Amino acid sequence: MITINTTADTVEQPSPDAVKSTGLSYLFLTFLRIGMVAFGGHMALIAVIQREMADKDKAISEELIIDGISIASLLPGPVAVNVVAYIGNHLQGVKGAAVSMLGMLLPACTLMFILSWCYFNYGYKTNLAGIMLLTSGTVSAIILSTGVTIYKKEVHGNWSNIMICTATIIITLFVKGYFITLGLIAAGGLLGYFINSDKKVKSPAQAGEHPLKLSRRSKVVLIVLGVLELGFLSNAASFFNNIYLKLVSVFSGISLSLFGGGYVIVPLMQSLFVNDLKWLSNQQFVDSISFSQVTPGPILVSALFVGFKLAGFIGGLIAVAAIFIPSATLMLVVSNFITKNRHSYTMKRILSGIKPVVVGMIIASAILLIKTMTLDAALIVTIMVSFILSFRFKVSPVYLILASLFLGFIINYI
């Protein structure tokens, strides 16, 4: 069992048995394995986490994943990476967050280093669209299976939550934009507070109501992050001669400005890198995004491409660290604050309303992904078979994605 420590400035402290089974080596190896097949965006990665760590290993609960998505969706930075940091922090504190992020990002960063080196030394370009032919179908089926599974456990049977979840799916399918996501989560929180559909949330007299608290250490971290963002907005990079400081200033600022996922920030990055800083040509920027698409990780690993061009291997490391660590740090501060105040009656009711919104967002993301595909017989069969294997037979997403990559290779080359 996982118990909540309401006095320490950490998220949730695991029991001795949990520590033994979910130590740092477990976190690194598990997220390394997940990171190798993390194609298809943040919901796909979260779906793999749910199957591998919640269903298979019983290391975390589905409620923890939902809480992580809820918090990450409200904050800047890549949702999937921030959820990974949240889970690692939940199990093993700050060290767990760092090790989990390292394991998840290592495969994508390694491949991006190889592609960047080949590109700048030999003008190398790659097109793996043929090999990835069936992977998108498999990924959409895994996301849909995960959403339906969580729906059955967390939403089904509660009419108010069913209505919230259904409304979220409909709105997400027909209205796009980051502010819509924010609005849905805010609306879910308000409905949860006023309706209190979760009967497990006790009344203030039963649960106790305490003032919300923010630790001194968290305040210091927020000040540092604020200084980094202020430096980015004031173009502090133009005053630095050292390329490493320029990389830190620019990419940490992007990290703390990234609301709505990697695709939302792509136009801003293009304008910044191509037009303002002139670090890349337009073609180089397009190629960096293309490379990030064929790596098993978030689109923001393209930062490594930029850093590599400007300052080689070290520059790539600095760029990728600067774009992921600040937003993940903010995620940990906010999640620690929420966990320390989880006994608050107000917080419990708000989170109870956000839960069905997150479930609806997962299901809608799978449907949207399928809508973007050019469906043919092979892809339709892939989606159906993958869904059945994932939902009914609980086959690991790792094996399903590897199988789809292999079949894509066979179809494309043989």
Protein backbone atom coordinates (compact mmCIF):
# COMPACT_ATOMS: atom_id res chain seq x y z
CA MET A 1 0.00 0.00 0.00
CA ILE A 2 1.06 3.60 -0.62
CA THR A 3 0.59 5.93 2.31
CA ILE A 4 0.46 9.72 2.32
CA ASN A 5 2.95 11.67 4.40
CA THR A 6 1.32 14.99 5.18
CA THR A 7 4.28 16.47 7.04
CA ALA A 8 7.28 15.95 4.79
CA ASP A 9 7.85 18.06 1.69
CA THR A 10 7.62 15.09 -0.64
CA VAL A 11 4.81 13.58 -2.60
CA GLU A 12 3.78 10.19 -1.23
CA GLN A 13 6.09 7.89 0.66
CA PRO A 14 5.94 4.21 -0.27
CA SER A 15 5.82 1.43 2.25
CA PRO A 16 9.00 -0.68 2.78
CA ASP A 17 7.64 -3.36 0.44
CA ALA A 18 6.93 -0.79 -2.26
CA VAL A 19 10.43 0.67 -1.90
CA LYS A 20 11.93 -2.76 -2.47
CA SER A 21 9.88 -3.46 -5.58
CA THR A 22 9.99 0.06 -7.08
CA GLY A 23 13.52 1.20 -6.36
CA LEU A 24 15.64 3.43 -8.56
CA SER A 25 16.80 0.53 -10.74
CA TYR A 26 13.19 -0.50 -11.33
CA LEU A 27 12.24 3.04 -12.32
CA PHE A 28 15.18 3.45 -14.69
CA LEU A 29 14.79 0.08 -16.42
CA THR A 30 11.00 0.34 -16.66
CA PHE A 31 11.02 3.83 -18.16
CA LEU A 32 13.95 2.90 -20.42
CA ARG A 33 11.85 0.05 -21.83
CA ILE A 34 8.83 2.34 -22.17
CA GLY A 35 10.97 5.06 -23.74
CA MET A 36 12.06 2.69 -26.51
CA VAL A 37 8.49 2.35 -27.79
CA ALA A 38 7.03 5.75 -26.83
CA PHE A 39 5.73 6.61 -30.31
CA GLY A 40 2.54 8.57 -30.90
CA GLY A 41 2.47 11.48 -28.46
CA HIS A 42 1.99 11.91 -24.75
CA MET A 43 -1.25 9.95 -24.39
CA ALA A 44 0.37 6.95 -26.04
CA LEU A 45 3.23 7.03 -23.57
CA ILE A 46 0.83 7.42 -20.66
CA ALA A 47 -1.14 4.43 -21.95
CA VAL A 48 2.00 2.30 -21.90
CA ILE A 49 2.79 3.50 -18.37
CA GLN A 50 -0.70 2.55 -17.23
CA ARG A 51 -0.43 -0.98 -18.63
CA GLU A 52 3.15 -1.66 -17.55
CA MET A 53 3.23 -0.03 -14.10
CA ALA A 54 -0.41 -0.05 -12.95
CA ASP A 55 -1.93 -3.18 -14.51
CA LYS A 56 1.11 -5.44 -14.82
CA ASP A 57 3.52 -4.45 -12.02
CA LYS A 58 0.94 -2.97 -9.59
CA ALA A 59 3.59 -0.38 -8.73
CA ILE A 60 1.22 2.59 -8.99
CA SER A 61 -2.52 3.18 -9.09
CA GLU A 62 -4.57 4.45 -12.01
CA GLU A 63 -5.70 7.30 -9.78
CA LEU A 64 -2.07 8.43 -9.48
CA ILE A 65 -1.77 8.56 -13.28
CA ILE A 66 -5.00 10.56 -13.55
CA ASP A 67 -3.78 13.00 -10.90
CA GLY A 68 -0.50 13.38 -12.77
CA ILE A 69 -2.26 14.13 -16.06
CA SER A 70 -4.59 16.60 -14.33
CA ILE A 71 -1.71 18.60 -12.86
CA ALA A 72 0.53 18.37 -15.94
CA SER A 73 -2.26 19.58 -18.23
CA LEU A 74 -2.50 22.83 -16.28
CA LEU A 75 1.24 23.55 -16.32
CA PRO A 76 3.85 24.37 -18.98
CA GLY A 77 6.03 21.63 -20.40
CA PRO A 78 5.50 18.29 -22.15
CA VAL A 79 2.69 16.45 -20.37
CA ALA A 80 4.17 12.95 -20.71
CA VAL A 81 7.61 13.89 -19.34
CA ASN A 82 6.03 15.77 -16.44
CA VAL A 83 3.81 12.78 -15.61
CA VAL A 84 6.91 10.55 -15.64
CA ALA A 85 8.64 12.94 -13.22
CA TYR A 86 5.51 12.96 -11.05
CA ILE A 87 5.43 9.15 -10.84
CA GLY A 88 9.15 8.91 -10.09
CA ASN A 89 8.81 11.53 -7.35
CA HIS A 90 5.81 9.70 -5.92
CA LEU A 91 7.80 6.48 -5.56
CA GLN A 92 11.35 7.64 -4.78
CA GLY A 93 11.37 11.40 -4.33
CA VAL A 94 13.51 13.76 -6.41
CA LYS A 95 16.02 11.00 -7.23
CA GLY A 96 13.18 8.88 -8.54
CA ALA A 97 11.95 11.75 -10.73
CA ALA A 98 15.43 12.30 -12.18
CA VAL A 99 16.06 8.59 -12.84
CA SER A 100 12.62 8.13 -14.41
CA MET A 101 13.09 11.07 -16.77
CA LEU A 102 16.56 9.85 -17.72
CA GLY A 103 15.31 6.37 -18.55
CA MET A 104 12.38 7.66 -20.60
CA LEU A 105 14.37 10.22 -22.60
CA LEU A 106 17.55 8.19 -23.15
CA PRO A 107 16.38 6.18 -26.20
CA ALA A 108 15.00 9.20 -28.06
CA CYS A 109 18.01 11.37 -27.21
CA THR A 110 20.46 8.67 -28.27
CA LEU A 111 18.76 8.28 -31.64
CA MET A 112 18.54 12.05 -32.07
CA PHE A 113 22.28 12.36 -31.37
CA ILE A 114 22.99 9.77 -34.07
CA LEU A 115 20.69 11.46 -36.59
CA SER A 116 22.10 14.91 -35.80
CA TRP A 117 25.70 13.71 -36.20
CA CYS A 118 24.92 12.06 -39.53
CA TYR A 119 22.96 15.10 -40.70
CA PHE A 120 25.64 17.69 -40.01
CA ASN A 121 28.51 15.48 -41.15
CA TYR A 122 27.01 13.81 -44.21
CA GLY A 123 23.82 15.73 -44.98
CA TYR A 124 21.93 12.61 -43.93
CA LYS A 125 18.15 12.57 -44.12
CA THR A 126 15.80 9.79 -43.20
CA ASN A 127 12.24 8.86 -44.00
CA LEU A 128 10.79 6.14 -41.86
CA ALA A 129 7.16 6.72 -42.84
CA GLY A 130 6.91 3.27 -44.40
CA ILE A 131 8.22 1.48 -41.32
CA MET A 132 5.86 3.53 -39.13
CA LEU A 133 2.91 2.61 -41.37
CA LEU A 134 1.00 0.47 -38.84
CA THR A 135 2.38 1.95 -35.63
CA SER A 136 -0.11 4.83 -35.54
CA GLY A 137 -3.01 2.35 -35.64
CA THR A 138 -1.53 0.27 -32.84
CA VAL A 139 -0.87 3.37 -30.72
CA SER A 140 -4.45 4.65 -31.17
CA ALA A 141 -5.83 1.24 -30.15
CA ILE A 142 -3.65 1.18 -27.03
CA ILE A 143 -4.79 4.67 -26.01
CA LEU A 144 -8.45 3.76 -26.58
CA SER A 145 -8.06 0.52 -24.62
CA THR A 146 -6.48 2.41 -21.74
CA GLY A 147 -9.24 5.02 -21.71
CA VAL A 148 -12.01 2.41 -21.73
CA THR A 149 -10.28 0.40 -18.98
CA ILE A 150 -9.96 3.43 -16.69
CA TYR A 151 -13.52 4.48 -17.55
CA LYS A 152 -14.87 1.14 -16.32
CA LYS A 153 -13.00 1.45 -13.02
CA GLU A 154 -13.27 5.16 -12.27
CA VAL A 155 -16.36 6.53 -14.06
CA HIS A 156 -18.85 3.77 -14.88
CA GLY A 157 -21.84 3.59 -12.52
CA ASN A 158 -21.67 7.25 -11.44
CA TRP A 159 -24.11 9.26 -13.56
CA SER A 160 -22.66 12.68 -12.85
CA ASN A 161 -19.17 11.47 -13.75
CA ILE A 162 -20.51 9.74 -16.88
CA MET A 163 -22.06 13.03 -18.05
CA ILE A 164 -18.86 14.97 -17.34
CA CYS A 165 -16.79 12.37 -19.19
CA THR A 166 -19.18 12.26 -22.17
CA ALA A 167 -19.29 16.06 -22.44
CA THR A 168 -15.48 16.15 -22.35
CA ILE A 169 -15.23 13.66 -25.23
CA ILE A 170 -17.71 15.58 -27.39
CA ILE A 171 -16.15 18.99 -26.76
CA THR A 172 -12.60 17.70 -27.29
CA LEU A 173 -13.57 16.11 -30.60
CA PHE A 174 -15.14 19.25 -32.05
CA VAL A 175 -13.33 22.14 -30.36
CA LYS A 176 -9.54 22.29 -30.37
CA GLY A 177 -7.06 24.41 -28.45
CA TYR A 178 -5.09 24.49 -25.24
CA PHE A 179 -7.51 26.90 -23.57
CA ILE A 180 -10.31 24.42 -24.20
CA THR A 181 -8.30 21.84 -22.25
CA LEU A 182 -7.82 24.32 -19.42
CA GLY A 183 -11.51 25.20 -19.49
CA LEU A 184 -12.59 21.55 -19.31
CA ILE A 185 -10.32 20.82 -16.36
CA ALA A 186 -11.47 23.98 -14.57
CA ALA A 187 -15.12 23.12 -15.25
CA GLY A 188 -14.57 19.58 -13.96
CA GLY A 189 -13.00 20.94 -10.79
CA LEU A 190 -15.91 23.33 -10.22
CA LEU A 191 -18.51 20.61 -10.84
CA GLY A 192 -16.63 18.27 -8.53
CA TYR A 193 -16.63 20.90 -5.80
CA PHE A 194 -20.33 21.76 -6.04
CA ILE A 195 -21.74 18.32 -6.93
CA ASN A 196 -19.35 16.18 -4.82
CA SER A 197 -20.19 13.10 -6.88
CA ASP A 198 -17.45 11.01 -5.25
CA LYS A 199 -19.03 9.53 -2.13
CA LYS A 200 -15.59 8.69 -0.74
CA VAL A 201 -14.96 12.41 -0.13
CA LYS A 202 -15.98 13.07 3.43
CA SER A 203 -17.59 16.22 4.75
CA PRO A 204 -15.43 18.94 6.34
CA ALA A 205 -16.48 17.79 9.79
CA GLN A 206 -15.31 14.25 9.03
CA ALA A 207 -12.19 15.03 7.01
CA GLY A 208 -11.06 18.22 8.69
CA GLU A 209 -10.27 21.46 6.86
CA HIS A 210 -6.79 22.94 7.04
CA PRO A 211 -5.24 26.04 5.47
CA LEU A 212 -3.32 25.44 2.24
CA LYS A 213 0.46 25.57 2.78
CA LEU A 214 3.50 26.11 0.54
CA SER A 215 6.92 25.19 1.94
CA ARG A 216 9.85 27.59 2.06
CA ARG A 217 11.89 25.36 -0.26
CA SER A 218 9.10 25.41 -2.82
CA LYS A 219 8.96 29.20 -2.67
CA VAL A 220 12.71 29.42 -3.39
CA VAL A 221 12.35 27.06 -6.37
CA LEU A 222 9.48 29.14 -7.76
CA ILE A 223 11.59 32.30 -7.49
CA VAL A 224 14.45 30.66 -9.42
CA LEU A 225 12.08 29.45 -12.13
CA GLY A 226 10.55 32.92 -12.29
CA VAL A 227 13.99 34.47 -12.82
CA LEU A 228 14.69 32.01 -15.68
CA GLU A 229 11.40 32.87 -17.37
CA LEU A 230 11.93 36.60 -16.88
CA GLY A 231 15.38 36.25 -18.47
CA PHE A 232 13.85 34.52 -21.48
CA LEU A 233 11.10 37.12 -21.92
CA SER A 234 13.63 39.98 -21.63
CA ASN A 235 15.96 38.36 -24.20
CA ALA A 236 18.78 37.92 -21.70
CA ALA A 237 20.49 35.48 -24.10
CA SER A 238 21.55 38.39 -26.30
CA PHE A 239 23.75 39.68 -23.45
CA PHE A 240 25.66 36.38 -23.06
CA ASN A 241 28.76 35.60 -25.08
CA ASN A 242 28.97 32.04 -23.81
CA ILE A 243 26.96 29.71 -26.05
CA TYR A 244 26.16 27.38 -23.15
CA LEU A 245 24.53 30.21 -21.19
CA LYS A 246 22.59 31.20 -24.30
CA LEU A 247 21.28 27.65 -24.63
CA VAL A 248 20.26 27.50 -20.97
CA SER A 249 18.48 30.86 -21.11
CA VAL A 250 16.57 30.15 -24.32
CA PHE A 251 15.55 26.54 -23.73
CA SER A 252 14.65 26.96 -20.05
CA GLY A 253 12.44 29.89 -21.08
CA ILE A 254 10.76 27.75 -23.73
CA SER A 255 10.26 25.01 -21.15
CA LEU A 256 8.37 27.39 -18.86
CA SER A 257 6.39 28.92 -21.74
CA LEU A 258 5.22 25.66 -23.29
CA PHE A 259 1.48 25.44 -22.66
CA GLY A 260 -0.51 22.96 -24.70
CA GLY A 261 2.11 20.43 -25.80
CA GLY A 262 4.99 20.33 -28.24
CA TYR A 263 2.99 20.98 -31.41
CA VAL A 264 1.61 24.23 -30.00
CA ILE A 265 5.11 25.63 -29.44
CA VAL A 266 6.52 24.59 -32.86
CA PRO A 267 5.59 27.91 -34.61
CA LEU A 268 7.16 29.89 -31.74
CA MET A 269 10.34 27.80 -31.91
CA GLN A 270 10.52 28.24 -35.68
CA SER A 271 10.23 32.00 -35.41
CA LEU A 272 12.78 32.11 -32.59
CA PHE A 273 15.43 29.79 -34.03
CA VAL A 274 15.10 30.72 -37.71
CA ASN A 275 14.10 34.39 -37.77
CA ASP A 276 15.29 35.92 -34.48
CA LEU A 277 18.35 33.97 -33.31
CA LYS A 278 19.22 32.64 -36.77
CA TRP A 279 20.52 29.41 -35.24
CA LEU A 280 18.91 27.27 -37.95
CA SER A 281 17.85 27.62 -41.55
CA ASN A 282 14.19 26.96 -42.26
CA GLN A 283 15.05 23.60 -43.83
CA GLN A 284 17.15 22.61 -40.83
CA PHE A 285 14.28 23.44 -38.50
CA VAL A 286 11.86 21.34 -40.55
CA ASP A 287 14.36 18.48 -40.56
CA SER A 288 14.77 18.71 -36.77
CA ILE A 289 11.01 18.31 -36.31
CA SER A 290 10.99 15.42 -38.79
CA PHE A 291 13.72 13.65 -36.84
CA SER A 292 11.83 14.13 -33.58
CA GLN A 293 8.80 12.49 -35.20
CA VAL A 294 10.66 9.25 -35.92
CA THR A 295 12.24 9.00 -32.47
CA PRO A 296 10.32 7.28 -29.64
CA GLY A 297 9.86 10.33 -27.48
CA PRO A 298 8.41 13.85 -27.18
CA ILE A 299 8.75 16.28 -30.08
CA LEU A 300 10.90 18.55 -27.90
CA VAL A 301 13.91 16.25 -28.28
CA SER A 302 14.39 18.45 -31.36
CA ALA A 303 16.13 20.81 -28.89
CA LEU A 304 19.03 18.38 -28.94
CA PHE A 305 19.40 18.91 -32.71
CA VAL A 306 19.72 22.68 -32.18
CA GLY A 307 22.19 22.35 -29.31
CA PHE A 308 24.27 19.84 -31.28
CA LYS A 309 24.60 22.20 -34.24
CA LEU A 310 25.70 25.12 -32.05
CA ALA A 311 27.96 23.38 -29.54
CA GLY A 312 28.32 19.71 -30.39
CA PHE A 313 27.61 16.89 -27.94
CA ILE A 314 27.75 19.09 -24.82
CA GLY A 315 25.50 21.66 -26.42
CA GLY A 316 22.95 18.98 -27.23
CA LEU A 317 22.96 17.74 -23.64
CA ILE A 318 22.54 21.25 -22.25
CA ALA A 319 19.69 22.06 -24.63
CA VAL A 320 17.72 18.91 -23.90
CA ALA A 321 18.25 19.28 -20.13
CA ALA A 322 17.19 22.93 -20.19
CA ILE A 323 13.98 22.24 -22.09
CA PHE A 324 12.79 19.40 -19.83
CA ILE A 325 14.10 20.05 -16.29
CA PRO A 326 12.53 23.49 -15.47
CA SER A 327 8.94 22.46 -16.34
CA ALA A 328 9.41 19.10 -14.56
CA THR A 329 10.67 20.96 -11.48
CA LEU A 330 7.59 23.19 -11.51
CA MET A 331 5.48 20.04 -11.84
CA LEU A 332 7.06 18.58 -8.69
CA VAL A 333 6.56 21.79 -6.69
CA VAL A 334 2.88 21.99 -7.61
CA SER A 335 2.26 18.26 -7.09
CA ASN A 336 3.98 18.39 -3.69
CA PHE A 337 1.74 21.30 -2.74
CA ILE A 338 -1.38 19.41 -3.80
CA THR A 339 -0.31 16.23 -2.00
CA LYS A 340 0.53 18.04 1.23
CA ASN A 341 -2.94 19.58 1.11
CA ARG A 342 -4.73 16.47 -0.16
CA HIS A 343 -6.50 16.13 3.19
CA SER A 344 -8.23 19.43 2.40
CA TYR A 345 -11.95 18.91 1.78
CA THR A 346 -11.86 21.54 -0.97
CA MET A 347 -8.96 19.84 -2.77
CA LYS A 348 -10.63 16.41 -2.60
CA ARG A 349 -13.86 17.65 -4.14
CA ILE A 350 -12.05 19.51 -6.92
CA LEU A 351 -9.94 16.46 -7.83
CA SER A 352 -13.02 14.22 -7.84
CA GLY A 353 -14.50 16.34 -10.64
CA ILE A 354 -11.29 16.51 -12.67
CA LYS A 355 -10.96 12.71 -12.81
CA PRO A 356 -13.78 12.04 -15.37
CA VAL A 357 -12.50 14.96 -17.49
CA VAL A 358 -9.07 13.33 -17.79
CA VAL A 359 -10.64 9.97 -18.71
CA GLY A 360 -12.67 11.70 -21.42
CA MET A 361 -9.55 13.41 -22.76
CA ILE A 362 -7.75 10.06 -23.06
CA ILE A 363 -10.63 8.47 -25.02
CA ALA A 364 -11.02 11.55 -27.25
CA SER A 365 -7.30 11.64 -28.05
CA ALA A 366 -7.52 8.08 -29.43
CA ILE A 367 -10.51 8.98 -31.61
CA LEU A 368 -8.77 12.13 -32.89
CA LEU A 369 -5.67 10.13 -33.76
CA ILE A 370 -7.73 7.64 -35.76
CA LYS A 371 -9.49 10.50 -37.60
CA THR A 372 -6.13 11.81 -38.86
CA MET A 373 -5.23 8.49 -40.53
CA THR A 374 -5.85 7.41 -44.08
CA LEU A 375 -7.60 4.17 -43.23
CA ASP A 376 -7.13 1.11 -45.39
CA ALA A 377 -7.82 -2.57 -44.75
CA ALA A 378 -4.41 -3.21 -43.14
CA LEU A 379 -4.71 -0.25 -40.78
CA ILE A 380 -8.30 -1.08 -39.77
CA VAL A 381 -7.34 -4.67 -38.99
CA THR A 382 -4.33 -3.43 -37.03
CA ILE A 383 -6.50 -1.13 -34.90
CA MET A 384 -9.09 -3.83 -34.20
CA VAL A 385 -6.59 -6.59 -33.40
CA SER A 386 -4.45 -4.29 -31.25
CA PHE A 387 -7.49 -3.11 -29.28
CA ILE A 388 -8.66 -6.68 -28.62
CA LEU A 389 -5.19 -7.86 -27.60
CA SER A 390 -4.72 -4.83 -25.34
CA PHE A 391 -8.19 -4.60 -23.77
CA ARG A 392 -9.27 -8.24 -23.62
CA PHE A 393 -5.99 -10.12 -23.29
CA LYS A 394 -3.87 -7.40 -21.61
CA VAL A 395 -0.95 -7.89 -24.01
CA SER A 396 1.85 -5.44 -23.18
CA PRO A 397 1.90 -2.31 -25.37
CA VAL A 398 5.64 -2.83 -25.75
CA TYR A 399 5.08 -6.07 -27.67
CA LEU A 400 2.21 -4.61 -29.71
CA ILE A 401 4.24 -1.61 -30.85
CA LEU A 402 7.32 -3.70 -31.63
CA ALA A 403 5.14 -6.08 -33.65
CA SER A 404 3.63 -3.19 -35.63
CA LEU A 405 7.11 -1.79 -36.36
CA PHE A 406 8.26 -5.21 -37.57
CA LEU A 407 5.21 -5.63 -39.80
CA GLY A 408 5.70 -2.10 -41.15
CA PHE A 409 9.28 -2.99 -42.02
CA ILE A 410 8.17 -6.19 -43.76
CA ILE A 411 5.49 -4.37 -45.78
CA ASN A 412 7.80 -1.50 -46.72
CA TYR A 413 10.94 -3.41 -47.69
CA ILE A 414 10.01 -7.03 -48.32
